[in-house]
Amino acid sequence: LLSNPNKAEIAACVTQYGNGSLECGIDRLSKHFHEMCFGGTFGSDDNVFCLILDRVDYGHLPTTEDKCFELLKDLRMEIPRFYLHMSSTFDFRIGRGTVPFDYWQQRLVELSSIT
């Protein structure tokens, strides 16, 4: 599949994900998806997905690693602001940390404090 000339951009991305090796990139992706489907991290949940970001250019930090960290930190803070009706049983994670969807509940508590 990745040897197809029409898939050259995908192959290049996977190669970069494998630190310059297409085989390592495929192996790394396979391990992620195997962990999602059969590993202990997500249990037997049927509704699991993984998002892999490539070519991250965010913020004004010098390294890609710092830019990725800043992007993930900002997403962890901002996503709960836009999704109001998330069930408490929904397990949403960015990196290794869970994202609590209690932004608006916390704001209501702050606004309703008695002085």
Foldseek 3Di string as FASTA:
>chain_A
DCVPPVNVVVQVQLCVCLVNHSVSSVVVVVVVVCCQCPNPPPPNDPDDDDDDDPPQDADDDDDPVVSVVVVLVVCLVPVLVVDQDDDPPDFDDRPPHTRDNCVVVVVVVVVPDDD
